[in-house]
Protein backbone atom coordinates (compact mmCIF):
# COMPACT_ATOMS: atom_id res chain seq x y z
CA UNK A 1 -154.22 1.89 -176.89
CA UNK A 2 -157.67 0.38 -176.47
CA UNK A 3 -158.09 2.21 -173.16
CA UNK A 4 -157.14 5.56 -174.73
CA UNK A 5 -159.55 4.91 -177.60
CA UNK A 6 -162.36 4.09 -175.15
CA UNK A 7 -161.68 7.14 -172.96
CA UNK A 8 -161.60 9.48 -175.95
CA UNK A 9 -164.72 8.16 -177.69
CA UNK A 10 -166.98 7.18 -174.75
CA UNK A 11 -168.31 10.73 -174.14
CA UNK A 12 -169.22 11.07 -177.82
CA UNK A 13 -171.26 7.87 -177.77
CA UNK A 14 -172.84 8.83 -174.44
CA UNK A 15 -173.86 12.16 -175.95
CA UNK A 16 -175.39 10.40 -178.99
CA UNK A 17 -177.34 8.04 -176.72
CA UNK A 18 -178.51 11.00 -174.64
CA UNK A 19 -179.66 12.76 -177.84
CA UNK A 20 -181.76 9.73 -178.79
CA UNK A 21 -183.22 9.55 -175.28
CA UNK A 22 -183.95 13.29 -175.17
CA UNK A 23 -185.66 13.19 -178.56
CA UNK A 24 -188.21 10.67 -177.28
CA UNK A 25 -189.08 12.66 -174.14
CA UNK A 26 -189.18 16.24 -172.99
CA UNK A 27 -185.70 16.83 -171.58
CA UNK A 28 -185.34 18.52 -168.23
CA UNK A 29 -182.74 21.19 -167.42
CA UNK A 30 -180.30 18.59 -166.02
CA UNK A 31 -180.45 16.56 -169.24
CA UNK A 32 -179.89 19.69 -171.34
CA UNK A 33 -176.92 20.72 -169.18
CA UNK A 34 -175.47 17.22 -169.36
CA UNK A 35 -175.96 17.17 -173.13
CA UNK A 36 -174.16 20.51 -173.54
CA UNK A 37 -171.27 19.39 -171.32
CA UNK A 38 -170.93 16.08 -173.18
CA UNK A 39 -170.95 17.92 -176.51
CA UNK A 40 -167.95 20.05 -175.54
CA UNK A 41 -166.06 17.27 -173.76
CA UNK A 42 -166.59 14.78 -176.58
CA UNK A 43 -165.49 17.35 -179.18
CA UNK A 44 -162.22 17.92 -177.38
CA UNK A 45 -161.60 14.24 -176.68
CA UNK A 46 -162.21 12.88 -180.16
CA UNK A 47 -159.79 15.44 -181.60
CA UNK A 48 -157.37 14.50 -178.84
CA UNK A 49 -157.77 10.88 -179.91
CA UNK A 50 -156.31 11.65 -183.33
CA UNK A 51 -153.38 13.40 -181.66
CA UNK A 52 -152.69 10.70 -179.08
CA UNK A 53 -152.96 7.78 -181.49
CA UNK A 54 -149.67 8.33 -183.42
CA UNK A 55 -147.84 9.05 -180.17
CA UNK A 56 -149.03 5.79 -178.66
CA UNK A 57 -148.11 3.89 -181.82
CA UNK A 58 -144.66 5.47 -181.70
CA UNK A 59 -144.17 4.44 -178.07
CA UNK A 60 -145.56 0.92 -178.46
CA UNK A 61 -144.49 -0.29 -181.91
CA UNK A 62 -141.00 -0.74 -183.33
CA UNK A 63 -142.48 -1.32 -186.80
CA UNK A 64 -144.30 2.01 -186.66
CA UNK A 65 -141.11 3.84 -185.64
CA UNK A 66 -139.17 2.26 -188.50
CA UNK A 67 -141.92 3.02 -191.03
CA UNK A 68 -142.05 6.62 -189.80
CA UNK A 69 -138.27 7.00 -190.23
CA UNK A 70 -138.47 5.61 -193.76
CA UNK A 71 -141.49 7.68 -194.82
CA UNK A 72 -140.52 11.01 -193.20
CA UNK A 73 -138.26 12.20 -196.06
CA UNK A 74 -140.96 11.31 -198.60
CA UNK A 75 -143.61 13.26 -196.67
CA UNK A 76 -141.31 16.28 -196.36
CA UNK A 77 -140.63 16.15 -200.11
CA UNK A 78 -144.35 16.07 -200.98
CA UNK A 79 -145.07 18.96 -198.59
CA UNK A 80 -142.26 20.94 -200.23
CA UNK A 81 -143.69 20.27 -203.72
CA UNK A 82 -147.24 21.09 -202.57
CA UNK A 83 -146.10 24.39 -201.04
CA UNK A 84 -144.39 25.41 -204.29
CA UNK A 85 -147.41 24.43 -206.40
CA UNK A 86 -149.63 26.62 -204.20
CA UNK A 87 -147.22 29.55 -204.50
CA UNK A 88 -147.09 29.10 -208.28
CA UNK A 89 -150.90 29.07 -208.42
CA UNK A 90 -151.17 32.25 -206.36
CA UNK A 91 -148.57 34.06 -208.48
CA UNK A 92 -149.87 32.99 -211.89
CA UNK A 93 -153.61 33.31 -211.35
CA UNK A 94 -153.65 36.61 -209.51
CA UNK A 95 -155.52 34.95 -206.66
CA UNK A 96 -154.33 37.56 -204.15
CA UNK A 97 -155.64 40.49 -206.23
CA UNK A 98 -159.02 38.80 -206.71
CA UNK A 99 -159.12 38.05 -202.99
CA UNK A 100 -158.60 41.76 -202.29
CA UNK A 101 -161.48 42.70 -204.62
CA UNK A 102 -163.75 40.17 -202.93
CA UNK A 103 -162.86 41.60 -199.51
CA UNK A 104 -163.52 45.17 -200.72
CA UNK A 105 -166.92 44.09 -202.06
CA UNK A 106 -167.67 42.45 -198.71
CA UNK A 107 -166.77 45.64 -196.87
CA UNK A 108 -169.10 47.63 -199.13
CA UNK A 109 -171.92 45.18 -198.47
CA UNK A 110 -171.23 45.35 -194.74
CA UNK A 111 -171.42 49.16 -194.97
CA UNK A 112 -174.81 48.97 -196.70
CA UNK A 113 -176.08 46.58 -194.06
CA UNK A 114 -174.80 48.91 -191.34
CA UNK A 115 -176.45 51.97 -192.88
CA UNK A 116 -179.72 50.07 -193.11
CA UNK A 117 -179.53 49.51 -189.38
CA UNK A 118 -180.28 46.49 -187.23
CA UNK A 119 -183.37 44.41 -187.74
CA UNK A 120 -186.23 45.54 -185.53
CA UNK A 121 -188.71 43.18 -183.98
CA UNK A 122 -192.32 43.39 -185.10
CA UNK A 123 -193.80 43.77 -181.63
């Protein structure tokens, strides 16, 4: 688990250290390319870390498996209640009809912006 944590978070910390280094000097094209690559790789890996962590706990820990079995029905119940509260809110407040009006207003504004044309440079 420690190895997975290190692998998933090391690129993020390397990217942060590179950002500090690049801020104190003028970065060359290799540093900029490395920074961009580390940004994308670290973004994927730290989200992957949150996905891998429960799987590793499930594989490694009997206590975690038992707690998951016990808590699963409770979690499903709360998700069920939450879903019905959201549906009730949408039905009683007219949220969908207001959402439609907001979208229509946005389309009108987009039409005005389109008629006005693209911004021209002042060269």
